[in-house]
Every structure is written in structure tokens, then in C-alpha cells.
Amino acid sequence: MKKSVKKATKHKRPSWDEYFLDIVNVVGSRATCDKGGSGCVITHDNRIVSTGYTGSLSGLPHCNEVGHDIKSDQCLRTIHAEHNAISQALKFGVPLDNTTMYCKIAPCPACAKMAASLGIKKVVVEEK
């Protein structure tokens, strides 16, 4: 009787970019605006220092509760995920020099300028 030996399949370990982009999607699942809800993760030396997702200002009603406030095809009720991640870092005194920002989509010009001015050196985007 022959023994059947199963070959071990080698686990493909994700790159750091793949790993953090996967986390971006989990963070984005907390978004409270379905119009463009996404997440953002900021890292330093491959360690997460801040996260953020698309949503209303803390304490104010969310789109998924009261609807959108749309003007010029933009929801005015929400803050971008990138803005929220940067704000959280600043609120808690986390320096952003030489960090990397991971995003679902390319940051808007205002978020990109804010990131650059605070020392974020690299942006990795899942969708162009």
C-alpha cells in the first residue's frame, strides 16, 4: 500500500504595501458615507501610527443616519479618510515626518498638500 504524501504549499507572504492596503480596506469598512467611503493608514518603519476613514465630524450626524449633504457632486457632511488619519495623528502628538500613507484612491489635492506639508514622504494607492 502506497502512502500519499501531500506536497506542502508555500505560503506567499504579502509585501508591506499589500499588507497595509489590505488594512486600508478593513479601516474603510467603518466609513459612514457610502458615496466614497474609504480608509487610510499611515505608517512609519512598517508600523501603523494612524488610521482614518471617511465620515462626519465626531459627534455630528453621519450620512448613513441622515443622508448626504451634496454640493457640486461632493458630500459636505464628511471628511476624507486621509484628512481623518492625519488629524488623529496630530491630535495625539504623533509625528508624521518620513511616514508613508496608504489609501484606497488617490488623495484629493487638498489632502495631498496637507500630507506633503506635514512630512509624509510616500503615498501608496490601491486604485489610481
C-alpha atoms as a PDB file:
ATOM      1  CA  MET A   1       0.000   0.000   0.000  1.00  0.00           C
ATOM      2  CA  LYS A   2       1.420   3.344  -1.112  1.00  0.00           C
ATOM      3  CA  LYS A   3       1.300   6.304   1.190  1.00  0.00           C
ATOM      4  CA  SER A   4       0.036   9.514  -0.330  1.00  0.00           C
ATOM      5  CA  VAL A   5       2.302  12.393   0.529  1.00  0.00           C
ATOM      6  CA  LYS A   6       0.867  15.827   0.070  1.00  0.00           C
ATOM      7  CA  LYS A   7       3.309  18.475  -1.012  1.00  0.00           C
ATOM      8  CA  ALA A   8       3.335  21.435   1.294  1.00  0.00           C
ATOM      9  CA  THR A   9       2.168  24.559  -0.415  1.00  0.00           C
ATOM     10  CA  LYS A  10       4.343  27.522   0.268  1.00  0.00           C
ATOM     11  CA  HIS A  11       2.566  30.455   1.847  1.00  0.00           C
ATOM     12  CA  LYS A  12       3.024  33.640  -0.171  1.00  0.00           C
ATOM     13  CA  ARG A  13       3.738  36.323   2.333  1.00  0.00           C
ATOM     14  CA  PRO A  14       2.296  39.685   1.247  1.00  0.00           C
ATOM     15  CA  SER A  15       4.606  42.623   0.672  1.00  0.00           C
ATOM     16  CA  TRP A  16       4.367  45.501   3.139  1.00  0.00           C
ATOM     17  CA  ASP A  17       2.377  47.500   0.574  1.00  0.00           C
ATOM     18  CA  GLU A  18      -0.078  44.634   0.033  1.00  0.00           C
ATOM     19  CA  TYR A  19      -0.406  44.125   3.794  1.00  0.00           C
ATOM     20  CA  PHE A  20      -1.173  47.773   4.565  1.00  0.00           C
ATOM     21  CA  LEU A  21      -3.528  48.122   1.577  1.00  0.00           C
ATOM     22  CA  ASP A  22      -5.497  45.158   2.949  1.00  0.00           C
ATOM     23  CA  ILE A  23      -5.734  47.007   6.271  1.00  0.00           C
ATOM     24  CA  VAL A  24      -6.899  50.156   4.408  1.00  0.00           C
ATOM     25  CA  ASN A  25      -9.919  48.174   3.231  1.00  0.00           C
ATOM     26  CA  VAL A  26     -10.741  46.988   6.749  1.00  0.00           C
ATOM     27  CA  VAL A  27     -10.412  50.538   8.114  1.00  0.00           C
ATOM     28  CA  GLY A  28     -12.603  51.793   5.244  1.00  0.00           C
ATOM     29  CA  SER A  29     -15.356  49.377   6.247  1.00  0.00           C
ATOM     30  CA  ARG A  30     -16.005  51.767   9.186  1.00  0.00           C
ATOM     31  CA  ALA A  31     -16.801  54.669   6.798  1.00  0.00           C
ATOM     32  CA  THR A  32     -20.140  56.343   7.422  1.00  0.00           C
ATOM     33  CA  CYS A  33     -20.560  57.832   3.938  1.00  0.00           C
ATOM     34  CA  ASP A  34     -21.300  55.332   1.192  1.00  0.00           C
ATOM     35  CA  LYS A  35     -20.633  57.943  -1.532  1.00  0.00           C
ATOM     36  CA  GLY A  36     -16.913  57.415  -1.392  1.00  0.00           C
ATOM     37  CA  GLY A  37     -16.248  55.711   1.885  1.00  0.00           C
ATOM     38  CA  SER A  38     -12.666  54.631   2.133  1.00  0.00           C
ATOM     39  CA  GLY A  39      -9.868  54.157   4.612  1.00  0.00           C
ATOM     40  CA  CYS A  40      -6.349  55.413   5.142  1.00  0.00           C
ATOM     41  CA  VAL A  41      -3.395  54.014   7.064  1.00  0.00           C
ATOM     42  CA  ILE A  42      -0.247  55.965   7.917  1.00  0.00           C
ATOM     43  CA  THR A  43       2.890  54.019   8.788  1.00  0.00           C
ATOM     44  CA  HIS A  44       6.416  54.696   9.979  1.00  0.00           C
ATOM     45  CA  ASP A  45       9.074  51.987   9.605  1.00  0.00           C
ATOM     46  CA  ASN A  46       6.332  49.465   8.728  1.00  0.00           C
ATOM     47  CA  ARG A  47       4.371  50.214  11.909  1.00  0.00           C
ATOM     48  CA  ILE A  48       0.899  51.753  11.887  1.00  0.00           C
ATOM     49  CA  VAL A  49       0.890  55.192  13.512  1.00  0.00           C
ATOM     50  CA  SER A  50      -2.601  56.371  12.498  1.00  0.00           C
ATOM     51  CA  THR A  51      -5.749  55.353  10.646  1.00  0.00           C
ATOM     52  CA  GLY A  52      -8.790  57.193   9.367  1.00  0.00           C
ATOM     53  CA  TYR A  53     -11.939  56.630   7.384  1.00  0.00           C
ATOM     54  CA  THR A  54     -14.451  58.783   5.539  1.00  0.00           C
ATOM     55  CA  GLY A  55     -17.033  60.143   7.943  1.00  0.00           C
ATOM     56  CA  SER A  56     -18.608  63.118   9.655  1.00  0.00           C
ATOM     57  CA  LEU A  57     -17.014  65.231  12.328  1.00  0.00           C
ATOM     58  CA  SER A  58     -17.079  63.468  15.667  1.00  0.00           C
ATOM     59  CA  GLY A  59     -20.437  63.959  17.376  1.00  0.00           C
ATOM     60  CA  LEU A  60     -22.297  65.102  14.247  1.00  0.00           C
ATOM     61  CA  PRO A  61     -24.823  63.025  12.278  1.00  0.00           C
ATOM     62  CA  HIS A  62     -23.478  60.605   9.692  1.00  0.00           C
ATOM     63  CA  CYS A  63     -24.666  60.151   6.108  1.00  0.00           C
ATOM     64  CA  ASN A  64     -25.775  56.622   6.870  1.00  0.00           C
ATOM     65  CA  GLU A  65     -28.084  58.096   9.547  1.00  0.00           C
ATOM     66  CA  VAL A  66     -29.444  61.300   7.965  1.00  0.00           C
ATOM     67  CA  GLY A  67     -28.422  61.222   4.297  1.00  0.00           C
ATOM     68  CA  HIS A  68     -25.890  63.097   2.220  1.00  0.00           C
ATOM     69  CA  ASP A  69     -25.366  66.853   2.005  1.00  0.00           C
ATOM     70  CA  ILE A  70     -24.304  67.081  -1.643  1.00  0.00           C
ATOM     71  CA  LYS A  71     -22.970  70.203  -3.357  1.00  0.00           C
ATOM     72  CA  SER A  72     -21.096  70.094  -6.684  1.00  0.00           C
ATOM     73  CA  ASP A  73     -21.077  66.277  -6.553  1.00  0.00           C
ATOM     74  CA  GLN A  74     -19.284  66.276  -3.166  1.00  0.00           C
ATOM     75  CA  CYS A  75     -20.710  65.283   0.202  1.00  0.00           C
ATOM     76  CA  LEU A  76     -20.170  68.229   2.543  1.00  0.00           C
ATOM     77  CA  ARG A  77     -21.060  66.222   5.646  1.00  0.00           C
ATOM     78  CA  THR A  78     -17.893  64.125   5.555  1.00  0.00           C
ATOM     79  CA  ILE A  79     -14.151  64.403   5.973  1.00  0.00           C
ATOM     80  CA  HIS A  80     -11.836  62.365   3.759  1.00  0.00           C
ATOM     81  CA  ALA A  81     -10.119  59.312   5.207  1.00  0.00           C
ATOM     82  CA  GLU A  82      -6.696  60.899   4.643  1.00  0.00           C
ATOM     83  CA  HIS A  83      -7.731  64.059   6.487  1.00  0.00           C
ATOM     84  CA  ASN A  84      -9.058  61.964   9.386  1.00  0.00           C
ATOM     85  CA  ALA A  85      -5.870  59.872   9.615  1.00  0.00           C
ATOM     86  CA  ILE A  86      -3.687  62.992   9.611  1.00  0.00           C
ATOM     87  CA  SER A  87      -5.933  64.718  12.170  1.00  0.00           C
ATOM     88  CA  GLN A  88      -5.805  61.727  14.503  1.00  0.00           C
ATOM     89  CA  ALA A  89      -2.014  61.670  14.373  1.00  0.00           C
ATOM     90  CA  LEU A  90      -1.816  65.393  15.115  1.00  0.00           C
ATOM     91  CA  LYS A  91      -4.418  65.183  17.888  1.00  0.00           C
ATOM     92  CA  PHE A  92      -2.362  62.583  19.725  1.00  0.00           C
ATOM     93  CA  GLY A  93       1.053  64.121  19.034  1.00  0.00           C
ATOM     94  CA  VAL A  94       2.242  61.512  16.538  1.00  0.00           C
ATOM     95  CA  PRO A  95       4.931  62.992  14.250  1.00  0.00           C
ATOM     96  CA  LEU A  96       4.409  62.398  10.538  1.00  0.00           C
ATOM     97  CA  ASP A  97       7.956  63.054   9.280  1.00  0.00           C
ATOM     98  CA  ASN A  98       9.141  60.352   6.874  1.00  0.00           C
ATOM     99  CA  THR A  99       5.894  58.377   7.024  1.00  0.00           C
ATOM    100  CA  THR A 100       4.001  56.504   4.319  1.00  0.00           C
ATOM    101  CA  MET A 101       0.288  56.975   3.671  1.00  0.00           C
ATOM    102  CA  TYR A 102      -1.762  54.096   2.246  1.00  0.00           C
ATOM    103  CA  CYS A 103      -5.046  54.966   0.534  1.00  0.00           C
ATOM    104  CA  LYS A 104      -7.810  53.259  -1.413  1.00  0.00           C
ATOM    105  CA  ILE A 105      -7.889  56.032  -4.026  1.00  0.00           C
ATOM    106  CA  ALA A 106      -5.525  58.896  -4.827  1.00  0.00           C
ATOM    107  CA  PRO A 107      -5.855  61.698  -2.264  1.00  0.00           C
ATOM    108  CA  CYS A 108      -7.596  64.883  -3.377  1.00  0.00           C
ATOM    109  CA  PRO A 109      -5.292  67.866  -3.961  1.00  0.00           C
ATOM    110  CA  ALA A 110      -6.045  69.376  -0.523  1.00  0.00           C
ATOM    111  CA  CYS A 111      -5.275  66.120   1.335  1.00  0.00           C
ATOM    112  CA  ALA A 112      -2.151  65.545  -0.781  1.00  0.00           C
ATOM    113  CA  LYS A 113      -0.839  69.045   0.015  1.00  0.00           C
ATOM    114  CA  MET A 114      -1.609  68.607   3.714  1.00  0.00           C
ATOM    115  CA  ALA A 115       0.226  65.263   3.736  1.00  0.00           C
ATOM    116  CA  ALA A 116       3.287  66.683   1.979  1.00  0.00           C
ATOM    117  CA  SER A 117       3.434  69.740   4.226  1.00  0.00           C
ATOM    118  CA  LEU A 118       3.435  67.519   7.341  1.00  0.00           C
ATOM    119  CA  GLY A 119       6.310  65.318   6.187  1.00  0.00           C
ATOM    120  CA  ILE A 120       4.520  62.315   4.672  1.00  0.00           C
ATOM    121  CA  LYS A 121       7.110  61.177   2.120  1.00  0.00           C
ATOM    122  CA  LYS A 122       5.317  58.425   0.220  1.00  0.00           C
ATOM    123  CA  VAL A 123       1.736  57.668  -0.808  1.00  0.00           C
ATOM    124  CA  VAL A 124       0.700  54.165  -1.890  1.00  0.00           C
ATOM    125  CA  VAL A 125      -2.665  53.929  -3.631  1.00  0.00           C
ATOM    126  CA  GLU A 126      -4.721  50.803  -4.347  1.00  0.00           C
ATOM    127  CA  GLU A 127      -6.790  52.366  -7.174  1.00  0.00           C
ATOM    128  CA  LYS A 128      -5.489  55.081  -9.469  1.00  0.00           C
END
